[in-house]
Amino acid sequence: MPRSIQEILEHAEELARQFEDFDPEDASEIPVEEYVLQRAVVARARSERYLIEAVAQARTGGLSWQRIGEMMGTSAQAAQQRYAPLLESA
């Protein structure tokens, strides 16, 4: 089931916190596949954050939801439903 952008961002922040609090003394090895997946999750969250910021700038600059949707490969309604609540809470 797809997760919300907010959940993805929160998960990425938790992973970043874990990385910052990392103590090699307490570490155990993880499989390379798990490490690669962790890196992909963080990259996805950063991309989502960047996209949210870009959508906010686009809206501030007067870009319509129609044009934003076209650029994202979706409808205006889908883009607005996904991003408008995030822009309002920022």
N, C-alpha and C. Protein backbone atom coordinates (compact mmCIF):
# COMPACT_ATOMS: atom_id res chain seq x y z
N MET A 1 0.85 -1.17 0.00
CA MET A 1 0.00 0.00 0.00
C MET A 1 0.90 1.24 0.00
N PRO A 2 0.64 2.22 -0.88
CA PRO A 2 1.49 3.41 -0.91
C PRO A 2 1.38 4.21 0.38
N ARG A 3 2.48 4.77 0.78
CA ARG A 3 2.49 5.59 1.99
C ARG A 3 2.39 7.05 1.60
N SER A 4 1.98 7.84 2.54
CA SER A 4 1.86 9.27 2.25
C SER A 4 3.25 9.90 2.20
N ILE A 5 3.32 11.04 1.59
CA ILE A 5 4.59 11.76 1.52
C ILE A 5 5.06 12.09 2.92
N GLN A 6 4.15 12.48 3.78
CA GLN A 6 4.53 12.81 5.15
C GLN A 6 5.14 11.61 5.86
N GLU A 7 4.59 10.43 5.67
CA GLU A 7 5.15 9.23 6.28
C GLU A 7 6.54 8.92 5.73
N ILE A 8 6.72 9.12 4.44
CA ILE A 8 8.03 8.90 3.83
C ILE A 8 9.05 9.86 4.41
N LEU A 9 8.67 11.13 4.53
CA LEU A 9 9.58 12.13 5.09
C LEU A 9 9.91 11.84 6.54
N GLU A 10 8.92 11.44 7.32
CA GLU A 10 9.16 11.10 8.72
C GLU A 10 10.10 9.90 8.85
N HIS A 11 9.92 8.92 7.97
CA HIS A 11 10.78 7.74 8.00
C HIS A 11 12.21 8.13 7.63
N ALA A 12 12.36 9.00 6.65
CA ALA A 12 13.70 9.44 6.26
C ALA A 12 14.36 10.22 7.38
N GLU A 13 13.60 11.03 8.08
CA GLU A 13 14.16 11.78 9.21
C GLU A 13 14.60 10.83 10.32
N GLU A 14 13.84 9.78 10.55
CA GLU A 14 14.22 8.78 11.55
C GLU A 14 15.50 8.07 11.14
N LEU A 15 15.62 7.71 9.87
CA LEU A 15 16.86 7.08 9.40
C LEU A 15 18.04 8.03 9.53
N ALA A 16 17.82 9.30 9.21
CA ALA A 16 18.89 10.29 9.35
C ALA A 16 19.31 10.43 10.80
N ARG A 17 18.32 10.43 11.71
CA ARG A 17 18.63 10.52 13.14
C ARG A 17 19.44 9.31 13.58
N GLN A 18 19.05 8.13 13.13
CA GLN A 18 19.80 6.92 13.48
C GLN A 18 21.23 7.00 12.97
N PHE A 19 21.39 7.53 11.77
CA PHE A 19 22.73 7.68 11.20
C PHE A 19 23.56 8.64 12.04
N GLU A 20 22.98 9.76 12.42
CA GLU A 20 23.70 10.75 13.22
C GLU A 20 24.05 10.22 14.61
N ASP A 21 23.19 9.38 15.18
CA ASP A 21 23.42 8.82 16.51
C ASP A 21 24.23 7.53 16.47
N PHE A 22 24.68 7.14 15.30
CA PHE A 22 25.38 5.87 15.12
C PHE A 22 26.64 5.80 16.00
N ASP A 23 26.77 4.70 16.70
CA ASP A 23 27.96 4.43 17.51
C ASP A 23 28.55 3.11 17.03
N PRO A 24 29.73 3.13 16.41
CA PRO A 24 30.33 1.91 15.88
C PRO A 24 30.51 0.82 16.93
N GLU A 25 30.65 1.21 18.19
CA GLU A 25 30.82 0.23 19.28
C GLU A 25 29.59 -0.66 19.41
N ASP A 26 28.43 -0.11 19.12
CA ASP A 26 27.16 -0.85 19.27
C ASP A 26 26.68 -1.46 17.95
N ALA A 27 27.46 -1.32 16.91
CA ALA A 27 27.00 -1.71 15.58
C ALA A 27 27.08 -3.21 15.34
N SER A 28 26.19 -3.64 14.49
CA SER A 28 26.25 -5.00 13.96
C SER A 28 26.16 -4.87 12.45
N GLU A 29 26.73 -5.80 11.75
CA GLU A 29 26.72 -5.73 10.30
C GLU A 29 25.33 -6.02 9.76
N ILE A 30 25.00 -5.33 8.69
CA ILE A 30 23.75 -5.60 8.00
C ILE A 30 24.10 -6.04 6.58
N PRO A 31 23.22 -6.79 5.97
CA PRO A 31 23.48 -7.22 4.59
C PRO A 31 23.56 -6.01 3.65
N VAL A 32 24.35 -6.13 2.62
CA VAL A 32 24.50 -5.07 1.64
C VAL A 32 23.14 -4.69 1.05
N GLU A 33 22.30 -5.68 0.81
CA GLU A 33 20.98 -5.41 0.22
C GLU A 33 20.15 -4.50 1.13
N GLU A 34 20.26 -4.68 2.44
CA GLU A 34 19.53 -3.84 3.37
C GLU A 34 20.09 -2.41 3.35
N TYR A 35 21.40 -2.29 3.29
CA TYR A 35 22.04 -0.99 3.22
C TYR A 35 21.59 -0.25 1.96
N VAL A 36 21.61 -0.94 0.84
CA VAL A 36 21.21 -0.33 -0.43
C VAL A 36 19.76 0.13 -0.35
N LEU A 37 18.91 -0.68 0.25
CA LEU A 37 17.50 -0.31 0.40
C LEU A 37 17.36 0.92 1.30
N GLN A 38 18.10 0.96 2.40
CA GLN A 38 18.06 2.13 3.28
C GLN A 38 18.45 3.39 2.51
N ARG A 39 19.50 3.31 1.73
CA ARG A 39 19.95 4.47 0.95
C ARG A 39 18.87 4.89 -0.05
N ALA A 40 18.19 3.94 -0.66
CA ALA A 40 17.14 4.26 -1.62
C ALA A 40 15.97 4.95 -0.93
N VAL A 41 15.62 4.51 0.28
CA VAL A 41 14.53 5.13 1.03
C VAL A 41 14.86 6.58 1.34
N VAL A 42 16.08 6.84 1.77
CA VAL A 42 16.50 8.20 2.08
C VAL A 42 16.49 9.05 0.80
N ALA A 43 16.99 8.50 -0.30
CA ALA A 43 17.00 9.24 -1.56
C ALA A 43 15.57 9.57 -2.01
N ARG A 44 14.67 8.63 -1.83
CA ARG A 44 13.27 8.86 -2.20
C ARG A 44 12.67 9.99 -1.37
N ALA A 45 12.94 9.98 -0.09
CA ALA A 45 12.40 11.02 0.79
C ALA A 45 12.97 12.39 0.42
N ARG A 46 14.25 12.43 0.11
CA ARG A 46 14.86 13.70 -0.30
C ARG A 46 14.23 14.19 -1.60
N SER A 47 13.99 13.28 -2.53
CA SER A 47 13.35 13.64 -3.79
C SER A 47 11.95 14.18 -3.55
N GLU A 48 11.21 13.53 -2.67
CA GLU A 48 9.85 13.99 -2.35
C GLU A 48 9.89 15.37 -1.72
N ARG A 49 10.84 15.60 -0.83
CA ARG A 49 10.95 16.91 -0.18
C ARG A 49 11.27 17.98 -1.24
N TYR A 50 12.19 17.65 -2.14
CA TYR A 50 12.56 18.58 -3.21
C TYR A 50 11.36 18.87 -4.11
N LEU A 51 10.59 17.85 -4.41
CA LEU A 51 9.41 18.01 -5.25
C LEU A 51 8.37 18.89 -4.56
N ILE A 52 8.16 18.68 -3.28
CA ILE A 52 7.21 19.51 -2.53
C ILE A 52 7.65 20.97 -2.58
N GLU A 53 8.94 21.22 -2.38
CA GLU A 53 9.45 22.59 -2.43
C GLU A 53 9.27 23.19 -3.82
N ALA A 54 9.51 22.39 -4.85
CA ALA A 54 9.36 22.87 -6.23
C ALA A 54 7.89 23.18 -6.54
N VAL A 55 7.00 22.33 -6.08
CA VAL A 55 5.56 22.58 -6.29
C VAL A 55 5.16 23.86 -5.56
N ALA A 56 5.64 24.05 -4.35
CA ALA A 56 5.33 25.27 -3.59
C ALA A 56 5.81 26.51 -4.34
N GLN A 57 7.02 26.46 -4.87
CA GLN A 57 7.54 27.59 -5.64
C GLN A 57 6.74 27.81 -6.91
N ALA A 58 6.36 26.72 -7.55
CA ALA A 58 5.57 26.84 -8.78
C ALA A 58 4.23 27.50 -8.50
N ARG A 59 3.58 27.08 -7.43
CA ARG A 59 2.28 27.67 -7.08
C ARG A 59 2.45 29.14 -6.70
N THR A 60 3.49 29.45 -5.93
CA THR A 60 3.75 30.84 -5.55
C THR A 60 4.00 31.69 -6.80
N GLY A 61 4.65 31.10 -7.78
CA GLY A 61 4.93 31.79 -9.03
C GLY A 61 3.76 31.85 -10.00
N GLY A 62 2.65 31.26 -9.61
CA GLY A 62 1.45 31.36 -10.42
C GLY A 62 1.18 30.19 -11.36
N LEU A 63 1.97 29.13 -11.28
CA LEU A 63 1.74 27.97 -12.13
C LEU A 63 0.43 27.30 -11.72
N SER A 64 -0.34 26.91 -12.71
CA SER A 64 -1.63 26.28 -12.43
C SER A 64 -1.44 24.82 -12.03
N TRP A 65 -2.44 24.28 -11.36
CA TRP A 65 -2.41 22.85 -11.03
C TRP A 65 -2.42 22.02 -12.30
N GLN A 66 -3.08 22.55 -13.33
CA GLN A 66 -3.11 21.85 -14.62
C GLN A 66 -1.69 21.66 -15.15
N ARG A 67 -0.90 22.73 -15.16
CA ARG A 67 0.47 22.65 -15.68
C ARG A 67 1.35 21.79 -14.78
N ILE A 68 1.18 21.91 -13.48
CA ILE A 68 1.96 21.09 -12.55
C ILE A 68 1.64 19.62 -12.79
N GLY A 69 0.36 19.30 -12.92
CA GLY A 69 -0.04 17.92 -13.19
C GLY A 69 0.55 17.40 -14.48
N GLU A 70 0.51 18.22 -15.52
CA GLU A 70 1.09 17.81 -16.80
C GLU A 70 2.58 17.49 -16.66
N MET A 71 3.29 18.35 -15.95
CA MET A 71 4.73 18.16 -15.78
C MET A 71 5.05 16.92 -14.95
N MET A 72 4.12 16.55 -14.07
CA MET A 72 4.32 15.38 -13.22
C MET A 72 3.75 14.11 -13.84
N GLY A 73 3.12 14.26 -14.99
CA GLY A 73 2.55 13.10 -15.66
C GLY A 73 1.26 12.61 -15.03
N THR A 74 0.50 13.55 -14.48
CA THR A 74 -0.76 13.20 -13.84
C THR A 74 -1.77 14.30 -14.12
N SER A 75 -2.93 14.18 -13.55
CA SER A 75 -3.96 15.20 -13.75
C SER A 75 -3.77 16.35 -12.77
N ALA A 76 -4.41 17.47 -13.09
CA ALA A 76 -4.38 18.62 -12.18
C ALA A 76 -4.98 18.24 -10.84
N GLN A 77 -6.08 17.50 -10.89
CA GLN A 77 -6.76 17.11 -9.66
C GLN A 77 -5.88 16.21 -8.80
N ALA A 78 -5.19 15.25 -9.42
CA ALA A 78 -4.33 14.35 -8.65
C ALA A 78 -3.17 15.11 -8.02
N ALA A 79 -2.57 16.03 -8.76
CA ALA A 79 -1.46 16.83 -8.22
C ALA A 79 -1.95 17.69 -7.07
N GLN A 80 -3.09 18.30 -7.24
CA GLN A 80 -3.63 19.17 -6.19
C GLN A 80 -4.00 18.37 -4.94
N GLN A 81 -4.63 17.22 -5.13
CA GLN A 81 -5.01 16.40 -3.98
C GLN A 81 -3.78 15.94 -3.20
N ARG A 82 -2.71 15.63 -3.92
CA ARG A 82 -1.51 15.12 -3.25
C ARG A 82 -0.70 16.21 -2.57
N TYR A 83 -0.56 17.37 -3.22
CA TYR A 83 0.37 18.38 -2.73
C TYR A 83 -0.25 19.58 -2.03
N ALA A 84 -1.48 19.94 -2.36
CA ALA A 84 -2.09 21.12 -1.73
C ALA A 84 -2.14 21.01 -0.21
N PRO A 85 -2.54 19.87 0.38
CA PRO A 85 -2.55 19.80 1.84
C PRO A 85 -1.16 19.98 2.46
N LEU A 86 -0.13 19.53 1.78
CA LEU A 86 1.23 19.70 2.29
C LEU A 86 1.67 21.15 2.23
N LEU A 87 1.22 21.85 1.19
CA LEU A 87 1.58 23.26 1.05
C LEU A 87 0.87 24.10 2.11
N GLU A 88 -0.35 23.72 2.44
CA GLU A 88 -1.12 24.46 3.45
C GLU A 88 -0.54 24.27 4.84
N SER A 89 0.03 23.09 5.11
CA SER A 89 0.55 22.81 6.46
C SER A 89 1.98 23.28 6.63
N ALA A 90 2.61 23.74 5.54
CA ALA A 90 4.01 24.19 5.63
C ALA A 90 4.11 25.59 6.17
